Amino acid sequence: MSSSRSDPGHSLGEIIGSLAGDIQDLVRGEIRLARAELDQKLNHVTTAAVSIIGGALFAFAGLVIFLEGIGASLALVMPGWAAFLIVGAVVLIAGALAARSGIALLSVKNLTPDRMSASLKQDARVVKENL
């Protein structure tokens, strides 16, 4: 029986070897993509952690100043206490906003490897179509 092939120069072994090489290249590429994306996500988490810690430090400083203002207002009952309260409240609000910003950066949506998932789905579709 004779079969008509489009490229009679390639044997079945060569085709399988070529396919295995292509699959290895695909897997290596996916691993590189995953590594790059996870590095990016790790940098994102680090930035968020620094923001949260900074926010917590500002909030703590604000709490200290706020409490100083309350103490000064009770002890002295003079206009100076109002300044302590205002400064403390402003620093406390700034710290809360910084911490909230850092927490928002840590949402699960920002940490999922979207490009890798899409690439794997695309690769699976291409492999199914070509088998």
N, C-alpha and C. Protein backbone atom coordinates (compact mmCIF):
# COMPACT_ATOMS: atom_id res chain seq x y z
N MET A 1 0.84 -1.18 0.00
CA MET A 1 0.00 0.00 0.00
C MET A 1 0.87 1.23 0.00
N SER A 2 0.51 2.14 -0.81
CA SER A 2 1.28 3.37 -0.82
C SER A 2 0.43 4.47 -0.22
N SER A 3 1.06 5.24 0.63
CA SER A 3 0.33 6.36 1.24
C SER A 3 0.96 7.64 0.76
N SER A 4 0.14 8.62 0.55
CA SER A 4 0.66 9.91 0.07
C SER A 4 0.85 10.82 1.27
N ARG A 5 2.11 11.20 1.47
CA ARG A 5 2.44 12.13 2.54
C ARG A 5 2.91 13.43 1.91
N SER A 6 2.70 14.52 2.63
CA SER A 6 3.09 15.81 2.06
C SER A 6 4.61 15.98 2.05
N ASP A 7 5.32 15.36 2.98
CA ASP A 7 6.78 15.47 3.03
C ASP A 7 7.36 14.08 3.21
N PRO A 8 7.70 13.39 2.09
CA PRO A 8 8.16 12.01 2.19
C PRO A 8 9.56 11.88 2.80
N GLY A 9 10.26 12.97 3.09
CA GLY A 9 11.61 12.90 3.60
C GLY A 9 11.71 12.67 5.10
N HIS A 10 10.61 12.77 5.83
CA HIS A 10 10.66 12.63 7.28
C HIS A 10 10.06 11.30 7.70
N SER A 11 10.80 10.58 8.54
CA SER A 11 10.30 9.31 9.05
C SER A 11 9.45 9.57 10.29
N LEU A 12 8.76 8.55 10.71
CA LEU A 12 7.92 8.65 11.90
C LEU A 12 8.78 8.96 13.12
N GLY A 13 9.96 8.38 13.21
CA GLY A 13 10.87 8.64 14.32
C GLY A 13 11.31 10.09 14.38
N GLU A 14 11.59 10.65 13.20
CA GLU A 14 11.99 12.06 13.16
C GLU A 14 10.85 12.97 13.60
N ILE A 15 9.66 12.65 13.15
CA ILE A 15 8.49 13.46 13.52
C ILE A 15 8.25 13.39 15.02
N ILE A 16 8.34 12.18 15.59
CA ILE A 16 8.14 12.02 17.04
C ILE A 16 9.25 12.74 17.80
N GLY A 17 10.49 12.64 17.30
CA GLY A 17 11.60 13.35 17.95
C GLY A 17 11.41 14.84 17.89
N SER A 18 10.95 15.33 16.76
CA SER A 18 10.69 16.76 16.61
C SER A 18 9.56 17.20 17.54
N LEU A 19 8.53 16.38 17.65
CA LEU A 19 7.41 16.68 18.54
C LEU A 19 7.88 16.72 19.99
N ALA A 20 8.72 15.76 20.38
CA ALA A 20 9.23 15.73 21.75
C ALA A 20 10.06 16.99 22.02
N GLY A 21 10.88 17.40 21.06
CA GLY A 21 11.67 18.62 21.22
C GLY A 21 10.78 19.85 21.34
N ASP A 22 9.72 19.88 20.52
CA ASP A 22 8.79 21.02 20.59
C ASP A 22 8.09 21.07 21.95
N ILE A 23 7.72 19.91 22.46
CA ILE A 23 7.05 19.86 23.77
C ILE A 23 8.02 20.32 24.86
N GLN A 24 9.29 19.89 24.77
CA GLN A 24 10.28 20.34 25.75
C GLN A 24 10.44 21.86 25.69
N ASP A 25 10.51 22.39 24.48
CA ASP A 25 10.64 23.85 24.33
C ASP A 25 9.43 24.57 24.91
N LEU A 26 8.24 24.00 24.68
CA LEU A 26 7.01 24.59 25.20
C LEU A 26 7.02 24.59 26.73
N VAL A 27 7.41 23.46 27.31
CA VAL A 27 7.44 23.36 28.78
C VAL A 27 8.48 24.33 29.35
N ARG A 28 9.64 24.40 28.73
CA ARG A 28 10.66 25.34 29.21
C ARG A 28 10.17 26.79 29.12
N GLY A 29 9.49 27.10 28.03
CA GLY A 29 8.95 28.45 27.88
C GLY A 29 7.90 28.76 28.94
N GLU A 30 7.06 27.79 29.23
CA GLU A 30 6.03 27.99 30.26
C GLU A 30 6.68 28.17 31.64
N ILE A 31 7.74 27.41 31.90
CA ILE A 31 8.43 27.55 33.18
C ILE A 31 9.07 28.92 33.28
N ARG A 32 9.68 29.41 32.19
CA ARG A 32 10.26 30.75 32.21
C ARG A 32 9.18 31.80 32.44
N LEU A 33 8.04 31.65 31.77
CA LEU A 33 6.94 32.60 31.96
C LEU A 33 6.44 32.57 33.40
N ALA A 34 6.27 31.37 33.94
CA ALA A 34 5.79 31.25 35.32
C ALA A 34 6.78 31.89 36.29
N ARG A 35 8.07 31.64 36.08
CA ARG A 35 9.09 32.20 36.95
C ARG A 35 9.08 33.73 36.88
N ALA A 36 9.00 34.27 35.68
CA ALA A 36 8.98 35.74 35.51
C ALA A 36 7.74 36.33 36.16
N GLU A 37 6.60 35.68 35.96
CA GLU A 37 5.36 36.21 36.53
C GLU A 37 5.37 36.12 38.05
N LEU A 38 5.89 35.02 38.59
CA LEU A 38 5.95 34.88 40.04
C LEU A 38 6.94 35.88 40.65
N ASP A 39 8.04 36.16 39.95
CA ASP A 39 8.96 37.20 40.42
C ASP A 39 8.26 38.55 40.48
N GLN A 40 7.46 38.84 39.46
CA GLN A 40 6.72 40.10 39.43
C GLN A 40 5.73 40.16 40.59
N LYS A 41 5.03 39.05 40.84
CA LYS A 41 4.06 39.02 41.94
C LYS A 41 4.76 39.15 43.29
N LEU A 42 5.95 38.55 43.42
CA LEU A 42 6.70 38.66 44.67
C LEU A 42 7.11 40.11 44.91
N ASN A 43 7.54 40.81 43.87
CA ASN A 43 7.86 42.23 44.00
C ASN A 43 6.64 43.02 44.42
N HIS A 44 5.48 42.65 43.88
CA HIS A 44 4.22 43.31 44.24
C HIS A 44 3.90 43.10 45.72
N VAL A 45 4.08 41.88 46.20
CA VAL A 45 3.82 41.57 47.61
C VAL A 45 4.80 42.32 48.51
N THR A 46 6.05 42.39 48.10
CA THR A 46 7.06 43.11 48.88
C THR A 46 6.69 44.58 49.00
N THR A 47 6.30 45.18 47.89
CA THR A 47 5.88 46.59 47.91
C THR A 47 4.68 46.78 48.83
N ALA A 48 3.72 45.87 48.75
CA ALA A 48 2.54 45.96 49.61
C ALA A 48 2.92 45.83 51.08
N ALA A 49 3.83 44.90 51.39
CA ALA A 49 4.24 44.71 52.78
C ALA A 49 4.94 45.95 53.33
N VAL A 50 5.80 46.57 52.51
CA VAL A 50 6.47 47.79 52.94
C VAL A 50 5.44 48.89 53.19
N SER A 51 4.44 48.97 52.33
CA SER A 51 3.39 49.98 52.49
C SER A 51 2.59 49.74 53.77
N ILE A 52 2.28 48.48 54.05
CA ILE A 52 1.53 48.15 55.27
C ILE A 52 2.35 48.49 56.51
N ILE A 53 3.63 48.12 56.49
CA ILE A 53 4.49 48.41 57.65
C ILE A 53 4.63 49.91 57.83
N GLY A 54 4.84 50.63 56.72
CA GLY A 54 4.92 52.09 56.82
C GLY A 54 3.64 52.69 57.36
N GLY A 55 2.51 52.18 56.88
CA GLY A 55 1.22 52.67 57.37
C GLY A 55 1.03 52.39 58.85
N ALA A 56 1.46 51.20 59.27
CA ALA A 56 1.34 50.86 60.69
C ALA A 56 2.22 51.76 61.55
N LEU A 57 3.42 52.08 61.06
CA LEU A 57 4.31 52.98 61.82
C LEU A 57 3.72 54.39 61.91
N PHE A 58 3.16 54.87 60.79
CA PHE A 58 2.50 56.18 60.83
C PHE A 58 1.31 56.16 61.79
N ALA A 59 0.53 55.09 61.75
CA ALA A 59 -0.63 54.99 62.63
C ALA A 59 -0.20 54.96 64.09
N PHE A 60 0.87 54.24 64.37
CA PHE A 60 1.36 54.19 65.75
C PHE A 60 1.84 55.57 66.21
N ALA A 61 2.61 56.24 65.33
CA ALA A 61 3.06 57.60 65.67
C ALA A 61 1.86 58.51 65.87
N GLY A 62 0.85 58.38 65.04
CA GLY A 62 -0.36 59.18 65.18
C GLY A 62 -1.07 58.90 66.49
N LEU A 63 -1.11 57.64 66.87
CA LEU A 63 -1.75 57.28 68.13
C LEU A 63 -1.00 57.89 69.31
N VAL A 64 0.32 57.84 69.25
CA VAL A 64 1.13 58.43 70.33
C VAL A 64 0.88 59.93 70.42
N ILE A 65 0.90 60.60 69.28
CA ILE A 65 0.68 62.05 69.28
C ILE A 65 -0.74 62.37 69.73
N PHE A 66 -1.70 61.57 69.28
CA PHE A 66 -3.10 61.77 69.67
C PHE A 66 -3.25 61.63 71.19
N LEU A 67 -2.63 60.60 71.73
CA LEU A 67 -2.70 60.40 73.17
C LEU A 67 -1.96 61.51 73.92
N GLU A 68 -0.86 61.99 73.37
CA GLU A 68 -0.17 63.14 73.97
C GLU A 68 -1.10 64.35 74.01
N GLY A 69 -1.85 64.52 72.93
CA GLY A 69 -2.79 65.64 72.89
C GLY A 69 -3.88 65.53 73.94
N ILE A 70 -4.38 64.32 74.11
CA ILE A 70 -5.39 64.12 75.15
C ILE A 70 -4.80 64.40 76.53
N GLY A 71 -3.59 63.87 76.72
CA GLY A 71 -2.93 64.12 78.03
C GLY A 71 -2.68 65.60 78.26
N ALA A 72 -2.21 66.28 77.23
CA ALA A 72 -1.94 67.71 77.37
C ALA A 72 -3.23 68.48 77.60
N SER A 73 -4.31 68.06 76.95
CA SER A 73 -5.58 68.77 77.12
C SER A 73 -6.14 68.59 78.52
N LEU A 74 -5.96 67.42 79.05
CA LEU A 74 -6.46 67.20 80.41
C LEU A 74 -5.59 67.88 81.46
N ALA A 75 -4.29 67.89 81.21
CA ALA A 75 -3.38 68.44 82.22
C ALA A 75 -3.33 69.96 82.19
N LEU A 76 -3.37 70.52 81.01
CA LEU A 76 -3.16 71.96 80.92
C LEU A 76 -4.42 72.76 80.62
N VAL A 77 -5.35 72.16 79.94
CA VAL A 77 -6.58 72.81 79.52
C VAL A 77 -6.27 74.21 78.98
N MET A 78 -5.46 74.21 77.92
CA MET A 78 -5.12 75.46 77.26
C MET A 78 -5.06 75.23 75.75
N PRO A 79 -4.96 76.27 74.93
CA PRO A 79 -5.02 76.11 73.48
C PRO A 79 -3.97 75.19 72.87
N GLY A 80 -2.87 74.94 73.54
CA GLY A 80 -1.84 74.05 73.01
C GLY A 80 -2.32 72.62 72.78
N TRP A 81 -3.25 72.19 73.56
CA TRP A 81 -3.74 70.82 73.43
C TRP A 81 -4.46 70.61 72.11
N ALA A 82 -5.12 71.64 71.61
CA ALA A 82 -5.84 71.49 70.35
C ALA A 82 -4.88 71.20 69.20
N ALA A 83 -3.73 71.83 69.25
CA ALA A 83 -2.72 71.57 68.22
C ALA A 83 -2.26 70.12 68.26
N PHE A 84 -2.03 69.58 69.45
CA PHE A 84 -1.63 68.17 69.57
C PHE A 84 -2.71 67.24 69.01
N LEU A 85 -3.96 67.54 69.32
CA LEU A 85 -5.05 66.69 68.83
C LEU A 85 -5.16 66.73 67.30
N ILE A 86 -5.05 67.92 66.74
CA ILE A 86 -5.16 68.05 65.29
C ILE A 86 -4.01 67.32 64.60
N VAL A 87 -2.78 67.53 65.07
CA VAL A 87 -1.62 66.86 64.47
C VAL A 87 -1.75 65.35 64.61
N GLY A 88 -2.14 64.90 65.78
CA GLY A 88 -2.30 63.45 66.00
C GLY A 88 -3.35 62.85 65.09
N ALA A 89 -4.47 63.54 64.93
CA ALA A 89 -5.54 63.03 64.07
C ALA A 89 -5.09 62.96 62.61
N VAL A 90 -4.36 63.97 62.15
CA VAL A 90 -3.88 63.98 60.76
C VAL A 90 -2.90 62.84 60.52
N VAL A 91 -1.96 62.63 61.44
CA VAL A 91 -0.99 61.54 61.27
C VAL A 91 -1.69 60.19 61.34
N LEU A 92 -2.67 60.06 62.21
CA LEU A 92 -3.42 58.81 62.32
C LEU A 92 -4.17 58.51 61.02
N ILE A 93 -4.80 59.50 60.44
CA ILE A 93 -5.51 59.32 59.17
C ILE A 93 -4.54 58.95 58.06
N ALA A 94 -3.39 59.61 58.00
CA ALA A 94 -2.38 59.30 56.97
C ALA A 94 -1.91 57.85 57.09
N GLY A 95 -1.68 57.39 58.31
CA GLY A 95 -1.26 56.01 58.52
C GLY A 95 -2.33 55.02 58.11
N ALA A 96 -3.57 55.32 58.44
CA ALA A 96 -4.68 54.44 58.07
C ALA A 96 -4.82 54.35 56.55
N LEU A 97 -4.67 55.47 55.86
CA LEU A 97 -4.76 55.46 54.41
C LEU A 97 -3.62 54.66 53.77
N ALA A 98 -2.41 54.80 54.30
CA ALA A 98 -1.27 54.05 53.78
C ALA A 98 -1.46 52.55 53.99
N ALA A 99 -1.93 52.15 55.17
CA ALA A 99 -2.17 50.74 55.44
C ALA A 99 -3.28 50.19 54.56
N ARG A 100 -4.33 50.96 54.36
CA ARG A 100 -5.43 50.53 53.50
C ARG A 100 -4.95 50.33 52.06
N SER A 101 -4.09 51.22 51.60
CA SER A 101 -3.53 51.10 50.26
C SER A 101 -2.71 49.81 50.13
N GLY A 102 -1.91 49.50 51.12
CA GLY A 102 -1.11 48.28 51.10
C GLY A 102 -1.97 47.03 51.12
N ILE A 103 -3.03 47.04 51.89
CA ILE A 103 -3.93 45.89 51.95
C ILE A 103 -4.62 45.69 50.61
N ALA A 104 -4.99 46.77 49.96
CA ALA A 104 -5.62 46.67 48.63
C ALA A 104 -4.66 46.05 47.62
N LEU A 105 -3.37 46.31 47.75
CA LEU A 105 -2.38 45.72 46.84
C LEU A 105 -2.25 44.22 47.02
N LEU A 106 -2.66 43.69 48.16
CA LEU A 106 -2.54 42.26 48.43
C LEU A 106 -3.78 41.46 48.05
N SER A 107 -4.70 42.03 47.32
CA SER A 107 -5.90 41.28 46.96
C SER A 107 -5.53 40.07 46.11
N VAL A 108 -6.33 39.02 46.21
CA VAL A 108 -6.07 37.77 45.48
C VAL A 108 -6.06 38.02 43.97
N LYS A 109 -6.89 38.93 43.50
CA LYS A 109 -6.95 39.23 42.07
C LYS A 109 -5.59 39.71 41.55
N ASN A 110 -4.87 40.51 42.35
CA ASN A 110 -3.57 41.03 41.93
C ASN A 110 -2.47 39.98 41.99
N LEU A 111 -2.71 38.87 42.68
CA LEU A 111 -1.66 37.87 42.88
C LEU A 111 -1.78 36.65 41.99
N THR A 112 -2.88 36.51 41.24
CA THR A 112 -3.03 35.33 40.40
C THR A 112 -2.19 35.47 39.13
N PRO A 113 -1.55 34.38 38.71
CA PRO A 113 -0.72 34.43 37.49
C PRO A 113 -1.58 34.35 36.23
N ASP A 114 -2.18 35.45 35.84
CA ASP A 114 -3.13 35.48 34.74
C ASP A 114 -2.51 35.12 33.39
N ARG A 115 -1.35 35.69 33.10
CA ARG A 115 -0.73 35.42 31.79
C ARG A 115 -0.35 33.96 31.66
N MET A 116 0.17 33.38 32.73
CA MET A 116 0.56 31.97 32.68
C MET A 116 -0.67 31.09 32.47
N SER A 117 -1.75 31.36 33.16
CA SER A 117 -2.97 30.57 32.99
C SER A 117 -3.50 30.67 31.57
N ALA A 118 -3.52 31.88 31.04
CA ALA A 118 -4.00 32.06 29.67
C ALA A 118 -3.09 31.35 28.68
N SER A 119 -1.79 31.42 28.91
CA SER A 119 -0.83 30.77 28.01
C SER A 119 -0.99 29.25 28.07
N LEU A 120 -1.18 28.69 29.26
CA LEU A 120 -1.37 27.25 29.38
C LEU A 120 -2.65 26.79 28.69
N LYS A 121 -3.72 27.57 28.83
CA LYS A 121 -4.97 27.24 28.15
C LYS A 121 -4.79 27.27 26.64
N GLN A 122 -4.09 28.28 26.16
CA GLN A 122 -3.82 28.40 24.72
C GLN A 122 -2.98 27.21 24.24
N ASP A 123 -1.95 26.85 25.00
CA ASP A 123 -1.10 25.71 24.62
C ASP A 123 -1.91 24.42 24.58
N ALA A 124 -2.76 24.22 25.57
CA ALA A 124 -3.58 23.01 25.61
C ALA A 124 -4.52 22.97 24.41
N ARG A 125 -5.08 24.11 24.04
CA ARG A 125 -5.98 24.16 22.89
C ARG A 125 -5.23 23.83 21.60
N VAL A 126 -4.03 24.38 21.46
CA VAL A 126 -3.23 24.14 20.25
C VAL A 126 -2.85 22.67 20.16
N VAL A 127 -2.44 22.08 21.28
CA VAL A 127 -2.06 20.66 21.28
C VAL A 127 -3.26 19.80 20.91
N LYS A 128 -4.44 20.10 21.45
CA LYS A 128 -5.65 19.33 21.12
C LYS A 128 -5.98 19.43 19.64
N GLU A 129 -5.84 20.64 19.10
CA GLU A 129 -6.15 20.85 17.68
C GLU A 129 -5.19 20.09 16.76
N ASN A 130 -3.93 19.95 17.19
CA ASN A 130 -2.94 19.34 16.34
C ASN A 130 -2.76 17.84 16.56
N LEU A 131 -3.48 17.26 17.47
CA LEU A 131 -3.38 15.82 17.69
C LEU A 131 -4.43 15.07 16.93
